[in-house]
C-alpha cells in the first residue's frame, strides 16, 4: 500500500463527527497509528476499533444529555 493510499483512507476516516469526539492530541495519535499500518487489513482493523470507540463515546454523550 502506498503512502498516498494510506493518507486517502485516513482522511476519509476523519469525518467532522470523529473530530468532535476525539481531542486534537487523540487524533494525532490515531493518525500516527493508522499510518504505521503495513496492510489494508491491519488498517481496516484499527479503523474498526476507533469506529467502535467513537460509537461508545456517542452513547455516553447521549446518556448525559438524557439525564
PDB file of N, CA and C in Angstrom:
ATOM      1  N   UNK A   1       0.854  -1.168   0.000  1.00  0.00           N
ATOM      2  CA  UNK A   1       0.000   0.000   0.000  1.00  0.00           C
ATOM      3  C   UNK A   1       0.904   1.236   0.000  1.00  0.00           C
ATOM      4  N   UNK A   2       0.589   2.181  -0.868  1.00  0.00           N
ATOM      5  CA  UNK A   2       1.417   3.386  -0.953  1.00  0.00           C
ATOM      6  C   UNK A   2       1.049   4.375   0.145  1.00  0.00           C
ATOM      7  N   UNK A   3       1.916   5.329   0.357  1.00  0.00           N
ATOM      8  CA  UNK A   3       1.653   6.378   1.352  1.00  0.00           C
ATOM      9  C   UNK A   3       0.408   7.168   0.986  1.00  0.00           C
ATOM     10  N   UNK A   4       0.241   7.461  -0.301  1.00  0.00           N
ATOM     11  CA  UNK A   4      -0.944   8.206  -0.736  1.00  0.00           C
ATOM     12  C   UNK A   4      -2.231   7.434  -0.460  1.00  0.00           C
ATOM     13  N   UNK A   5      -2.201   6.125  -0.676  1.00  0.00           N
ATOM     14  CA  UNK A   5      -3.376   5.300  -0.384  1.00  0.00           C
ATOM     15  C   UNK A   5      -3.700   5.335   1.105  1.00  0.00           C
ATOM     16  N   UNK A   6      -2.672   5.230   1.933  1.00  0.00           N
ATOM     17  CA  UNK A   6      -2.882   5.294   3.386  1.00  0.00           C
ATOM     18  C   UNK A   6      -3.508   6.628   3.776  1.00  0.00           C
ATOM     19  N   UNK A   7      -2.948   7.710   3.247  1.00  0.00           N
ATOM     20  CA  UNK A   7      -3.454   9.040   3.596  1.00  0.00           C
ATOM     21  C   UNK A   7      -4.891   9.239   3.133  1.00  0.00           C
ATOM     22  N   UNK A   8      -5.234   8.724   1.960  1.00  0.00           N
ATOM     23  CA  UNK A   8      -6.615   8.825   1.482  1.00  0.00           C
ATOM     24  C   UNK A   8      -7.575   8.112   2.427  1.00  0.00           C
ATOM     25  N   UNK A   9      -7.203   6.925   2.869  1.00  0.00           N
ATOM     26  CA  UNK A   9      -8.051   6.149   3.783  1.00  0.00           C
ATOM     27  C   UNK A   9      -8.171   6.863   5.129  1.00  0.00           C
ATOM     28  N   UNK A  10      -7.062   7.343   5.651  1.00  0.00           N
ATOM     29  CA  UNK A  10      -7.070   8.043   6.941  1.00  0.00           C
ATOM     30  C   UNK A  10      -7.917   9.306   6.860  1.00  0.00           C
ATOM     31  N   UNK A  11      -7.746  10.086   5.799  1.00  0.00           N
ATOM     32  CA  UNK A  11      -8.517  11.322   5.652  1.00  0.00           C
ATOM     33  C   UNK A  11     -10.006  11.055   5.527  1.00  0.00           C
ATOM     34  N   UNK A  12     -10.381   9.981   4.845  1.00  0.00           N
ATOM     35  CA  UNK A  12     -11.808   9.675   4.727  1.00  0.00           C
ATOM     36  C   UNK A  12     -12.385   9.227   6.071  1.00  0.00           C
ATOM     37  N   UNK A  13     -11.561   8.638   6.926  1.00  0.00           N
ATOM     38  CA  UNK A  13     -11.998   8.225   8.261  1.00  0.00           C
ATOM     39  C   UNK A  13     -12.236   9.431   9.166  1.00  0.00           C
ATOM     40  N   UNK A  14     -11.465  10.485   8.983  1.00  0.00           N
ATOM     41  CA  UNK A  14     -11.529  11.641   9.882  1.00  0.00           C
ATOM     42  C   UNK A  14     -12.661  12.593   9.506  1.00  0.00           C
ATOM     43  N   UNK A  15     -13.868  12.119   9.637  1.00  0.00           N
ATOM     44  CA  UNK A  15     -15.036  12.942   9.355  1.00  0.00           C
ATOM     45  C   UNK A  15     -15.205  13.981  10.464  1.00  0.00           C
ATOM     46  N   UNK A  16     -16.009  15.006  10.209  1.00  0.00           N
ATOM     47  CA  UNK A  16     -16.260  16.000  11.269  1.00  0.00           C
ATOM     48  C   UNK A  16     -16.798  15.383  12.557  1.00  0.00           C
ATOM     49  N   UNK A  17     -17.605  14.318  12.437  1.00  0.00           N
ATOM     50  CA  UNK A  17     -18.142  13.678  13.646  1.00  0.00           C
ATOM     51  C   UNK A  17     -17.030  13.048  14.464  1.00  0.00           C
ATOM     52  N   UNK A  18     -16.054  12.441  13.808  1.00  0.00           N
ATOM     53  CA  UNK A  18     -14.913  11.855  14.519  1.00  0.00           C
ATOM     54  C   UNK A  18     -14.142  12.970  15.219  1.00  0.00           C
ATOM     55  N   UNK A  19     -13.951  14.072  14.527  1.00  0.00           N
ATOM     56  CA  UNK A  19     -13.184  15.183  15.091  1.00  0.00           C
ATOM     57  C   UNK A  19     -13.873  15.788  16.313  1.00  0.00           C
ATOM     58  N   UNK A  20     -15.205  15.659  16.391  1.00  0.00           N
ATOM     59  CA  UNK A  20     -15.934  16.161  17.559  1.00  0.00           C
ATOM     60  C   UNK A  20     -15.722  15.288  18.789  1.00  0.00           C
ATOM     61  N   UNK A  21     -15.536  13.991  18.587  1.00  0.00           N
ATOM     62  CA  UNK A  21     -15.475  13.053  19.705  1.00  0.00           C
ATOM     63  C   UNK A  21     -14.070  12.839  20.253  1.00  0.00           C
ATOM     64  N   UNK A  22     -13.051  13.122  19.453  1.00  0.00           N
ATOM     65  CA  UNK A  22     -11.671  12.909  19.874  1.00  0.00           C
ATOM     66  C   UNK A  22     -10.963  14.256  19.990  1.00  0.00           C
ATOM     67  N   UNK A  23     -10.075  14.375  20.941  1.00  0.00           N
ATOM     68  CA  UNK A  23      -9.291  15.604  21.089  1.00  0.00           C
ATOM     69  C   UNK A  23      -8.243  15.680  19.982  1.00  0.00           C
ATOM     70  N   UNK A  24      -7.652  16.845  19.818  1.00  0.00           N
ATOM     71  CA  UNK A  24      -6.612  17.020  18.799  1.00  0.00           C
ATOM     72  C   UNK A  24      -5.446  16.062  19.051  1.00  0.00           C
ATOM     73  N   UNK A  25      -5.048  15.915  20.299  1.00  0.00           N
ATOM     74  CA  UNK A  25      -3.944  15.003  20.640  1.00  0.00           C
ATOM     75  C   UNK A  25      -4.311  13.556  20.308  1.00  0.00           C
ATOM     76  N   UNK A  26      -5.563  13.175  20.596  1.00  0.00           N
ATOM     77  CA  UNK A  26      -6.003  11.813  20.272  1.00  0.00           C
ATOM     78  C   UNK A  26      -6.007  11.586  18.763  1.00  0.00           C
ATOM     79  N   UNK A  27      -6.457  12.574  18.009  1.00  0.00           N
ATOM     80  CA  UNK A  27      -6.489  12.446  16.550  1.00  0.00           C
ATOM     81  C   UNK A  27      -5.077  12.298  15.999  1.00  0.00           C
ATOM     82  N   UNK A  28      -4.129  13.065  16.531  1.00  0.00           N
ATOM     83  CA  UNK A  28      -2.735  12.938  16.091  1.00  0.00           C
ATOM     84  C   UNK A  28      -2.207  11.531  16.375  1.00  0.00           C
ATOM     85  N   UNK A  29      -2.512  11.003  17.550  1.00  0.00           N
ATOM     86  CA  UNK A  29      -2.078   9.646  17.914  1.00  0.00           C
ATOM     87  C   UNK A  29      -2.723   8.613  16.992  1.00  0.00           C
ATOM     88  N   UNK A  30      -4.022   8.767  16.745  1.00  0.00           N
ATOM     89  CA  UNK A  30      -4.738   7.846  15.860  1.00  0.00           C
ATOM     90  C   UNK A  30      -4.124   7.869  14.466  1.00  0.00           C
ATOM     91  N   UNK A  31      -3.867   9.059  13.942  1.00  0.00           N
ATOM     92  CA  UNK A  31      -3.287   9.178  12.598  1.00  0.00           C
ATOM     93  C   UNK A  31      -1.922   8.499  12.527  1.00  0.00           C
ATOM     94  N   UNK A  32      -1.105   8.684  13.545  1.00  0.00           N
ATOM     95  CA  UNK A  32       0.211   8.034  13.561  1.00  0.00           C
ATOM     96  C   UNK A  32       0.064   6.519  13.573  1.00  0.00           C
ATOM     97  N   UNK A  33      -0.840   6.014  14.416  1.00  0.00           N
ATOM     98  CA  UNK A  33      -1.055   4.566  14.492  1.00  0.00           C
ATOM     99  C   UNK A  33      -1.574   4.014  13.170  1.00  0.00           C
ATOM    100  N   UNK A  34      -2.509   4.724  12.559  1.00  0.00           N
ATOM    101  CA  UNK A  34      -3.056   4.262  11.286  1.00  0.00           C
ATOM    102  C   UNK A  34      -1.994   4.296  10.189  1.00  0.00           C
ATOM    103  N   UNK A  35      -1.186   5.342  10.185  1.00  0.00           N
ATOM    104  CA  UNK A  35      -0.170   5.471   9.138  1.00  0.00           C
ATOM    105  C   UNK A  35       0.885   4.369   9.237  1.00  0.00           C
ATOM    106  N   UNK A  36       1.143   3.884  10.437  1.00  0.00           N
ATOM    107  CA  UNK A  36       2.152   2.835  10.619  1.00  0.00           C
ATOM    108  C   UNK A  36       1.667   1.447  10.192  1.00  0.00           C
ATOM    109  N   UNK A  37       0.398   1.319   9.874  1.00  0.00           N
ATOM    110  CA  UNK A  37      -0.125   0.029   9.411  1.00  0.00           C
ATOM    111  C   UNK A  37       0.524  -0.330   8.078  1.00  0.00           C
ATOM    112  N   UNK A  38       0.833  -1.612   7.913  1.00  0.00           N
ATOM    113  CA  UNK A  38       1.512  -2.063   6.700  1.00  0.00           C
ATOM    114  C   UNK A  38       0.575  -2.646   5.650  1.00  0.00           C
ATOM    115  N   UNK A  39      -0.595  -3.109   6.071  1.00  0.00           N
ATOM    116  CA  UNK A  39      -1.521  -3.732   5.123  1.00  0.00           C
ATOM    117  C   UNK A  39      -2.900  -3.095   5.250  1.00  0.00           C
ATOM    118  N   UNK A  40      -3.704  -3.284   4.216  1.00  0.00           N
ATOM    119  CA  UNK A  40      -5.081  -2.785   4.259  1.00  0.00           C
ATOM    120  C   UNK A  40      -5.869  -3.463   5.378  1.00  0.00           C
ATOM    121  N   UNK A  41      -5.621  -4.750   5.590  1.00  0.00           N
ATOM    122  CA  UNK A  41      -6.321  -5.469   6.664  1.00  0.00           C
ATOM    123  C   UNK A  41      -5.996  -4.878   8.030  1.00  0.00           C
ATOM    124  N   UNK A  42      -4.738  -4.605   8.266  1.00  0.00           N
ATOM    125  CA  UNK A  42      -4.319  -4.014   9.538  1.00  0.00           C
ATOM    126  C   UNK A  42      -4.941  -2.629   9.701  1.00  0.00           C
ATOM    127  N   UNK A  43      -4.924  -1.845   8.642  1.00  0.00           N
ATOM    128  CA  UNK A  43      -5.503  -0.506   8.674  1.00  0.00           C
ATOM    129  C   UNK A  43      -7.010  -0.584   8.924  1.00  0.00           C
ATOM    130  N   UNK A  44      -7.670  -1.492   8.256  1.00  0.00           N
ATOM    131  CA  UNK A  44      -9.108  -1.675   8.425  1.00  0.00           C
ATOM    132  C   UNK A  44      -9.452  -2.090   9.855  1.00  0.00           C
ATOM    133  N   UNK A  45      -8.655  -2.986  10.422  1.00  0.00           N
ATOM    134  CA  UNK A  45      -8.878  -3.443  11.796  1.00  0.00           C
ATOM    135  C   UNK A  45      -8.773  -2.273  12.782  1.00  0.00           C
ATOM    136  N   UNK A  46      -7.761  -1.440  12.618  1.00  0.00           N
ATOM    137  CA  UNK A  46      -7.588  -0.297  13.531  1.00  0.00           C
ATOM    138  C   UNK A  46      -8.715   0.716  13.358  1.00  0.00           C
ATOM    139  N   UNK A  47      -9.134   0.953  12.113  1.00  0.00           N
ATOM    140  CA  UNK A  47     -10.238   1.883  11.874  1.00  0.00           C
ATOM    141  C   UNK A  47     -11.513   1.349  12.518  1.00  0.00           C
ATOM    142  N   UNK A  48     -11.750   0.052  12.405  1.00  0.00           N
ATOM    143  CA  UNK A  48     -12.919  -0.553  13.061  1.00  0.00           C
ATOM    144  C   UNK A  48     -12.874  -0.328  14.569  1.00  0.00           C
ATOM    145  N   UNK A  49     -11.695  -0.476  15.157  1.00  0.00           N
ATOM    146  CA  UNK A  49     -11.536  -0.254  16.595  1.00  0.00           C
ATOM    147  C   UNK A  49     -11.919   1.188  16.958  1.00  0.00           C
ATOM    148  N   UNK A  50     -11.391   2.148  16.199  1.00  0.00           N
ATOM    149  CA  UNK A  50     -11.687   3.544  16.512  1.00  0.00           C
ATOM    150  C   UNK A  50     -13.143   3.897  16.219  1.00  0.00           C
ATOM    151  N   UNK A  51     -13.747   3.260  15.233  1.00  0.00           N
ATOM    152  CA  UNK A  51     -15.168   3.479  14.956  1.00  0.00           C
ATOM    153  C   UNK A  51     -16.018   2.991  16.132  1.00  0.00           C
ATOM    154  N   UNK A  52     -15.641   1.855  16.715  1.00  0.00           N
ATOM    155  CA  UNK A  52     -16.364   1.351  17.896  1.00  0.00           C
ATOM    156  C   UNK A  52     -16.168   2.300  19.079  1.00  0.00           C
ATOM    157  N   UNK A  53     -14.968   2.810  19.242  1.00  0.00           N
ATOM    158  CA  UNK A  53     -14.696   3.774  20.316  1.00  0.00           C
ATOM    159  C   UNK A  53     -15.542   5.031  20.109  1.00  0.00           C
ATOM    160  N   UNK A  54     -15.632   5.479  18.857  1.00  0.00           N
ATOM    161  CA  UNK A  54     -16.448   6.643  18.528  1.00  0.00           C
ATOM    162  C   UNK A  54     -17.909   6.386  18.893  1.00  0.00           C
ATOM    163  N   UNK A  55     -18.422   5.214  18.531  1.00  0.00           N
ATOM    164  CA  UNK A  55     -19.812   4.871  18.835  1.00  0.00           C
ATOM    165  C   UNK A  55     -20.039   4.838  20.343  1.00  0.00           C
ATOM    166  N   UNK A  56     -19.080   4.290  21.076  1.00  0.00           N
ATOM    167  CA  UNK A  56     -19.187   4.229  22.535  1.00  0.00           C
ATOM    168  C   UNK A  56     -19.240   5.636  23.123  1.00  0.00           C
ATOM    169  N   UNK A  57     -18.428   6.519  22.627  1.00  0.00           N
ATOM    170  CA  UNK A  57     -18.445   7.897  23.128  1.00  0.00           C
ATOM    171  C   UNK A  57     -19.761   8.579  22.799  1.00  0.00           C
ATOM    172  N   UNK A  58     -20.340   8.254  21.661  1.00  0.00           N
ATOM    173  CA  UNK A  58     -21.645   8.807  21.299  1.00  0.00           C
ATOM    174  C   UNK A  58     -22.725   8.355  22.256  1.00  0.00           C
ATOM    175  N   UNK A  59     -22.676   7.082  22.652  1.00  0.00           N
ATOM    176  CA  UNK A  59     -23.654   6.549  23.601  1.00  0.00           C
ATOM    177  C   UNK A  59     -23.515   7.244  24.944  1.00  0.00           C
ATOM    178  N   UNK A  60     -22.304   7.462  25.387  1.00  0.00           N
ATOM    179  CA  UNK A  60     -22.074   8.139  26.666  1.00  0.00           C
ATOM    180  C   UNK A  60     -22.604   9.566  26.590  1.00  0.00           C
ATOM    181  N   UNK A  61     -22.328  10.246  25.480  1.00  0.00           N
ATOM    182  CA  UNK A  61     -22.805  11.614  25.294  1.00  0.00           C
ATOM    183  C   UNK A  61     -24.317  11.693  25.300  1.00  0.00           C
ATOM    184  N   UNK A  62     -24.979  10.729  24.669  1.00  0.00           N
ATOM    185  CA  UNK A  62     -26.440  10.710  24.635  1.00  0.00           C
ATOM    186  C   UNK A  62     -27.021  10.459  26.014  1.00  0.00           C
ATOM    187  N   UNK A  63     -26.409   9.598  26.812  1.00  0.00           N
ATOM    188  CA  UNK A  63     -26.897   9.314  28.161  1.00  0.00           C
ATOM    189  C   UNK A  63     -26.778  10.553  29.042  1.00  0.00           C
ATOM    190  N   UNK A  64     -25.703  11.316  28.875  1.00  0.00           N
ATOM    191  CA  UNK A  64     -25.536  12.532  29.668  1.00  0.00           C
ATOM    192  C   UNK A  64     -26.602  13.555  29.304  1.00  0.00           C
ATOM    193  N   UNK A  65     -26.946  13.655  28.008  1.00  0.00           N
ATOM    194  CA  UNK A  65     -27.960  14.609  27.570  1.00  0.00           C
ATOM    195  C   UNK A  65     -29.337  14.229  28.092  1.00  0.00           C
ATOM    196  N   UNK A  66     -29.612  12.918  28.191  1.00  0.00           N
ATOM    197  CA  UNK A  66     -30.909  12.446  28.662  1.00  0.00           C
ATOM    198  C   UNK A  66     -31.099  12.689  30.151  1.00  0.00           C
ATOM    199  N   UNK A  67     -30.026  12.762  30.911  1.00  0.00           N
ATOM    200  CA  UNK A  67     -30.114  12.913  32.369  1.00  0.00           C
ATOM    201  C   UNK A  67     -30.583  14.287  32.768  1.00  0.00           C
TER     202      UNK A  67
END
